[in-house]
């Protein structure tokens, strides 16, 4: 019984980490969309720094959507495990999910 309680606590902890990372990604995406909207309204181009941040956030957004798609697919968890062992996981994880990059499954 004690092992089940520990496993449940670990599962809750992992779920909370995942939700926090997802929330962080959402906040970053919202912030970037406000910046782009402001630039469009003011009819000014993005600065080089803003452009780099925008490109990075766009990559993170695509990675997050790709990861969600893989996980929701039938057999997606198997694909995720294969990605881990083939060392491809880093290509599919956005910056907010960096805690998973060095984690062993």
N, C-alpha and C. Protein backbone atom coordinates (compact mmCIF):
# COMPACT_ATOMS: atom_id res chain seq x y z
N UNK A 1 0.82 -1.21 0.00
CA UNK A 1 0.00 0.00 0.00
C UNK A 1 0.86 1.27 0.00
N UNK A 2 1.97 1.21 0.74
CA UNK A 2 2.84 2.37 0.83
C UNK A 2 3.46 2.68 -0.53
N UNK A 3 3.84 1.64 -1.30
CA UNK A 3 4.42 1.84 -2.62
C UNK A 3 3.43 2.50 -3.57
N UNK A 4 2.17 2.11 -3.47
CA UNK A 4 1.14 2.71 -4.32
C UNK A 4 0.97 4.19 -4.00
N UNK A 5 1.05 4.52 -2.72
CA UNK A 5 0.92 5.92 -2.30
C UNK A 5 2.10 6.73 -2.84
N UNK A 6 3.29 6.16 -2.76
CA UNK A 6 4.48 6.85 -3.27
C UNK A 6 4.38 7.03 -4.78
N UNK A 7 3.93 5.99 -5.48
CA UNK A 7 3.77 6.08 -6.93
C UNK A 7 2.74 7.13 -7.31
N UNK A 8 1.66 7.19 -6.55
CA UNK A 8 0.62 8.18 -6.82
C UNK A 8 1.15 9.59 -6.59
N UNK A 9 1.93 9.78 -5.54
CA UNK A 9 2.52 11.09 -5.27
C UNK A 9 3.49 11.48 -6.38
N UNK A 10 4.28 10.52 -6.85
CA UNK A 10 5.21 10.80 -7.96
C UNK A 10 4.45 11.16 -9.23
N UNK A 11 3.35 10.47 -9.48
CA UNK A 11 2.53 10.75 -10.66
C UNK A 11 1.94 12.16 -10.57
N UNK A 12 1.46 12.53 -9.40
CA UNK A 12 0.91 13.88 -9.20
C UNK A 12 2.00 14.94 -9.43
N UNK A 13 3.19 14.66 -8.91
CA UNK A 13 4.31 15.60 -9.06
C UNK A 13 4.66 15.78 -10.54
N UNK A 14 4.73 14.67 -11.27
CA UNK A 14 5.05 14.74 -12.70
C UNK A 14 3.96 15.48 -13.48
N UNK A 15 2.70 15.21 -13.13
CA UNK A 15 1.59 15.88 -13.81
C UNK A 15 1.65 17.39 -13.55
N UNK A 16 1.97 17.77 -12.33
CA UNK A 16 2.06 19.20 -12.00
C UNK A 16 3.22 19.87 -12.74
N UNK A 17 4.36 19.17 -12.85
CA UNK A 17 5.48 19.72 -13.61
C UNK A 17 5.10 19.92 -15.07
N UNK A 18 4.40 18.94 -15.63
CA UNK A 18 3.97 19.02 -17.03
C UNK A 18 3.00 20.19 -17.23
N UNK A 19 2.03 20.31 -16.32
CA UNK A 19 1.05 21.40 -16.43
C UNK A 19 1.70 22.77 -16.26
N UNK A 20 2.68 22.88 -15.36
CA UNK A 20 3.40 24.14 -15.19
C UNK A 20 4.18 24.50 -16.45
N UNK A 21 4.81 23.50 -17.07
CA UNK A 21 5.56 23.75 -18.30
C UNK A 21 4.60 24.18 -19.42
N UNK A 22 3.45 23.53 -19.49
CA UNK A 22 2.45 23.89 -20.49
C UNK A 22 1.93 25.31 -20.26
N UNK A 23 1.71 25.65 -19.00
CA UNK A 23 1.25 27.00 -18.65
C UNK A 23 2.31 28.04 -19.03
N UNK A 24 3.58 27.73 -18.75
CA UNK A 24 4.67 28.64 -19.09
C UNK A 24 4.73 28.86 -20.61
N UNK A 25 4.57 27.79 -21.35
CA UNK A 25 4.60 27.89 -22.81
C UNK A 25 3.43 28.76 -23.30
N UNK A 26 2.28 28.61 -22.68
CA UNK A 26 1.12 29.42 -23.05
C UNK A 26 1.35 30.90 -22.77
N UNK A 27 1.95 31.20 -21.63
CA UNK A 27 2.23 32.60 -21.27
C UNK A 27 3.22 33.21 -22.25
N UNK A 28 4.27 32.44 -22.60
CA UNK A 28 5.26 32.95 -23.55
C UNK A 28 4.64 33.18 -24.93
N UNK A 29 3.76 32.29 -25.35
CA UNK A 29 3.11 32.43 -26.65
C UNK A 29 2.18 33.64 -26.65
N UNK A 30 1.46 33.84 -25.57
CA UNK A 30 0.55 34.99 -25.46
C UNK A 30 1.35 36.29 -25.49
N UNK A 31 2.45 36.32 -24.79
CA UNK A 31 3.31 37.51 -24.76
C UNK A 31 3.83 37.84 -26.15
N UNK A 32 4.26 36.81 -26.86
CA UNK A 32 4.80 37.03 -28.21
C UNK A 32 3.70 37.47 -29.17
N UNK A 33 2.50 36.92 -29.02
CA UNK A 33 1.41 37.34 -29.92
C UNK A 33 1.04 38.80 -29.68
N UNK A 34 1.11 39.25 -28.42
CA UNK A 34 0.85 40.66 -28.12
C UNK A 34 1.90 41.55 -28.78
N UNK A 35 3.16 41.12 -28.73
CA UNK A 35 4.23 41.88 -29.35
C UNK A 35 4.02 42.01 -30.86
N UNK A 36 3.70 40.90 -31.50
CA UNK A 36 3.49 40.92 -32.95
C UNK A 36 2.28 41.78 -33.30
N UNK A 37 1.20 41.66 -32.52
CA UNK A 37 0.00 42.47 -32.75
C UNK A 37 0.33 43.96 -32.64
N UNK A 38 1.11 44.31 -31.62
CA UNK A 38 1.52 45.70 -31.43
C UNK A 38 2.32 46.20 -32.63
N UNK A 39 3.23 45.38 -33.10
CA UNK A 39 4.05 45.77 -34.26
C UNK A 39 3.19 45.97 -35.51
N UNK A 40 2.20 45.11 -35.69
CA UNK A 40 1.31 45.24 -36.85
C UNK A 40 0.48 46.51 -36.75
N UNK A 41 -0.07 46.77 -35.57
CA UNK A 41 -0.90 47.96 -35.37
C UNK A 41 -0.07 49.23 -35.57
N UNK A 42 1.15 49.24 -35.03
CA UNK A 42 2.01 50.42 -35.15
C UNK A 42 2.74 50.48 -36.49
N UNK A 43 2.56 49.46 -37.30
CA UNK A 43 3.21 49.38 -38.62
C UNK A 43 4.72 49.58 -38.53
N UNK A 44 5.30 48.85 -37.58
CA UNK A 44 6.75 48.89 -37.44
C UNK A 44 7.28 47.46 -37.51
N UNK A 45 8.48 47.31 -38.04
CA UNK A 45 9.06 45.96 -38.10
C UNK A 45 9.57 45.51 -36.73
N UNK A 46 9.70 44.22 -36.57
CA UNK A 46 10.30 43.68 -35.35
C UNK A 46 11.79 44.02 -35.35
N UNK A 47 12.33 44.32 -34.18
CA UNK A 47 13.78 44.51 -34.09
C UNK A 47 14.44 43.14 -34.25
N UNK A 48 15.75 43.14 -34.41
CA UNK A 48 16.47 41.87 -34.56
C UNK A 48 16.25 40.97 -33.35
N UNK A 49 16.32 41.57 -32.17
CA UNK A 49 16.13 40.80 -30.93
C UNK A 49 14.70 40.25 -30.84
N UNK A 50 13.72 41.09 -31.16
CA UNK A 50 12.33 40.65 -31.15
C UNK A 50 12.10 39.55 -32.19
N UNK A 51 12.73 39.69 -33.34
CA UNK A 51 12.61 38.69 -34.39
C UNK A 51 13.17 37.34 -33.95
N UNK A 52 14.30 37.36 -33.26
CA UNK A 52 14.90 36.12 -32.75
C UNK A 52 13.99 35.47 -31.70
N UNK A 53 13.44 36.30 -30.80
CA UNK A 53 12.53 35.77 -29.78
C UNK A 53 11.27 35.19 -30.43
N UNK A 54 10.77 35.90 -31.45
CA UNK A 54 9.58 35.41 -32.15
C UNK A 54 9.86 34.08 -32.82
N UNK A 55 10.99 33.97 -33.50
CA UNK A 55 11.34 32.72 -34.19
C UNK A 55 11.50 31.58 -33.18
N UNK A 56 12.14 31.86 -32.06
CA UNK A 56 12.33 30.84 -31.03
C UNK A 56 10.99 30.39 -30.45
N UNK A 57 10.10 31.35 -30.19
CA UNK A 57 8.79 31.00 -29.64
C UNK A 57 7.96 30.22 -30.65
N UNK A 58 8.08 30.58 -31.91
CA UNK A 58 7.35 29.85 -32.96
C UNK A 58 7.85 28.40 -33.03
N UNK A 59 9.16 28.20 -32.92
CA UNK A 59 9.71 26.84 -32.88
C UNK A 59 9.18 26.08 -31.67
N UNK A 60 9.15 26.75 -30.52
CA UNK A 60 8.65 26.10 -29.31
C UNK A 60 7.17 25.72 -29.45
N UNK A 61 6.41 26.58 -30.07
CA UNK A 61 4.99 26.32 -30.27
C UNK A 61 4.79 25.10 -31.17
N UNK A 62 5.54 25.03 -32.25
CA UNK A 62 5.44 23.90 -33.16
C UNK A 62 5.87 22.61 -32.46
N UNK A 63 6.93 22.69 -31.65
CA UNK A 63 7.38 21.51 -30.90
C UNK A 63 6.32 21.04 -29.92
N UNK A 64 5.70 21.99 -29.22
CA UNK A 64 4.66 21.63 -28.24
C UNK A 64 3.48 20.98 -28.93
N UNK A 65 3.05 21.55 -30.05
CA UNK A 65 1.93 20.96 -30.79
C UNK A 65 2.30 19.58 -31.34
N UNK A 66 3.54 19.44 -31.79
CA UNK A 66 3.99 18.14 -32.30
C UNK A 66 4.02 17.09 -31.19
N UNK A 67 4.51 17.48 -30.02
CA UNK A 67 4.55 16.57 -28.89
C UNK A 67 3.15 16.16 -28.46
N UNK A 68 2.24 17.12 -28.42
CA UNK A 68 0.86 16.81 -28.04
C UNK A 68 0.22 15.86 -29.06
N UNK A 69 0.50 16.08 -30.32
CA UNK A 69 -0.04 15.20 -31.36
C UNK A 69 0.49 13.78 -31.21
N UNK A 70 1.79 13.65 -30.94
CA UNK A 70 2.38 12.33 -30.77
C UNK A 70 1.77 11.61 -29.57
N UNK A 71 1.62 12.31 -28.47
CA UNK A 71 1.11 11.69 -27.26
C UNK A 71 -0.36 11.28 -27.43
N UNK A 72 -1.13 12.07 -28.17
CA UNK A 72 -2.56 11.77 -28.34
C UNK A 72 -2.82 10.67 -29.38
N UNK A 73 -1.83 10.36 -30.20
CA UNK A 73 -2.00 9.32 -31.20
C UNK A 73 -2.11 7.95 -30.52
N UNK A 74 -2.83 7.02 -31.15
CA UNK A 74 -2.82 5.66 -30.61
C UNK A 74 -1.38 5.13 -30.66
N UNK A 75 -0.90 4.63 -29.54
CA UNK A 75 0.47 4.15 -29.47
C UNK A 75 1.49 5.27 -29.33
N UNK A 76 1.02 6.46 -29.04
CA UNK A 76 1.91 7.63 -28.95
C UNK A 76 2.94 7.50 -27.85
N UNK A 77 2.57 6.88 -26.74
CA UNK A 77 3.54 6.72 -25.65
C UNK A 77 4.68 5.82 -26.09
N UNK A 78 4.39 4.84 -26.92
CA UNK A 78 5.45 3.96 -27.45
C UNK A 78 6.38 4.77 -28.34
N UNK A 79 5.81 5.63 -29.17
CA UNK A 79 6.62 6.48 -30.04
C UNK A 79 7.50 7.40 -29.20
N UNK A 80 6.94 7.95 -28.11
CA UNK A 80 7.71 8.84 -27.24
C UNK A 80 8.88 8.09 -26.60
N UNK A 81 8.64 6.85 -26.17
CA UNK A 81 9.71 6.03 -25.58
C UNK A 81 10.79 5.75 -26.63
N UNK A 82 10.37 5.43 -27.84
CA UNK A 82 11.34 5.19 -28.92
C UNK A 82 12.16 6.46 -29.20
N UNK A 83 11.49 7.61 -29.18
CA UNK A 83 12.20 8.87 -29.39
C UNK A 83 13.26 9.07 -28.31
N UNK A 84 12.93 8.66 -27.09
CA UNK A 84 13.88 8.79 -25.98
C UNK A 84 15.11 7.93 -26.22
N UNK A 85 14.91 6.68 -26.55
CA UNK A 85 16.04 5.77 -26.74
C UNK A 85 16.83 6.04 -28.02
N UNK A 86 16.21 6.64 -29.00
CA UNK A 86 16.92 7.01 -30.22
C UNK A 86 17.55 8.40 -30.12
N UNK A 87 17.40 9.00 -28.93
CA UNK A 87 17.96 10.33 -28.63
C UNK A 87 17.40 11.41 -29.56
N UNK A 88 16.14 11.30 -29.90
CA UNK A 88 15.46 12.30 -30.73
C UNK A 88 14.56 13.20 -29.90
N UNK A 89 14.45 12.90 -28.61
CA UNK A 89 13.50 13.61 -27.75
C UNK A 89 13.77 15.12 -27.72
N UNK A 90 15.05 15.52 -27.73
CA UNK A 90 15.38 16.95 -27.65
C UNK A 90 14.82 17.75 -28.81
N UNK A 91 14.63 17.11 -29.95
CA UNK A 91 14.10 17.80 -31.12
C UNK A 91 12.60 18.06 -31.02
N UNK A 92 11.93 17.36 -30.11
CA UNK A 92 10.48 17.48 -29.99
C UNK A 92 10.04 18.19 -28.71
N UNK A 93 10.99 18.57 -27.85
CA UNK A 93 10.63 19.22 -26.59
C UNK A 93 10.97 20.70 -26.65
N UNK A 94 10.00 21.53 -26.32
CA UNK A 94 10.25 22.97 -26.29
C UNK A 94 11.04 23.33 -25.03
N UNK A 95 11.48 24.56 -24.95
CA UNK A 95 12.29 25.01 -23.83
C UNK A 95 11.58 24.85 -22.48
N UNK A 96 10.28 24.99 -22.45
CA UNK A 96 9.53 24.87 -21.20
C UNK A 96 9.57 23.45 -20.65
N UNK A 97 9.80 22.49 -21.51
CA UNK A 97 9.84 21.09 -21.09
C UNK A 97 11.27 20.59 -20.94
N UNK A 98 12.19 21.47 -20.69
CA UNK A 98 13.61 21.09 -20.60
C UNK A 98 13.87 20.12 -19.45
N UNK A 99 13.01 20.11 -18.43
CA UNK A 99 13.20 19.18 -17.32
C UNK A 99 13.08 17.72 -17.78
N UNK A 100 12.43 17.49 -18.91
CA UNK A 100 12.29 16.13 -19.44
C UNK A 100 13.50 15.68 -20.26
N UNK A 101 14.31 16.61 -20.70
CA UNK A 101 15.40 16.27 -21.63
C UNK A 101 16.43 15.34 -21.00
N UNK A 102 16.74 15.52 -19.74
CA UNK A 102 17.75 14.68 -19.09
C UNK A 102 17.12 13.60 -18.22
N UNK A 103 15.83 13.54 -18.21
CA UNK A 103 15.12 12.59 -17.36
C UNK A 103 15.08 11.22 -18.01
N UNK A 104 15.33 10.20 -17.22
CA UNK A 104 15.26 8.83 -17.72
C UNK A 104 13.84 8.33 -17.57
N UNK A 105 13.37 7.62 -18.57
CA UNK A 105 12.00 7.12 -18.53
C UNK A 105 11.96 5.84 -17.73
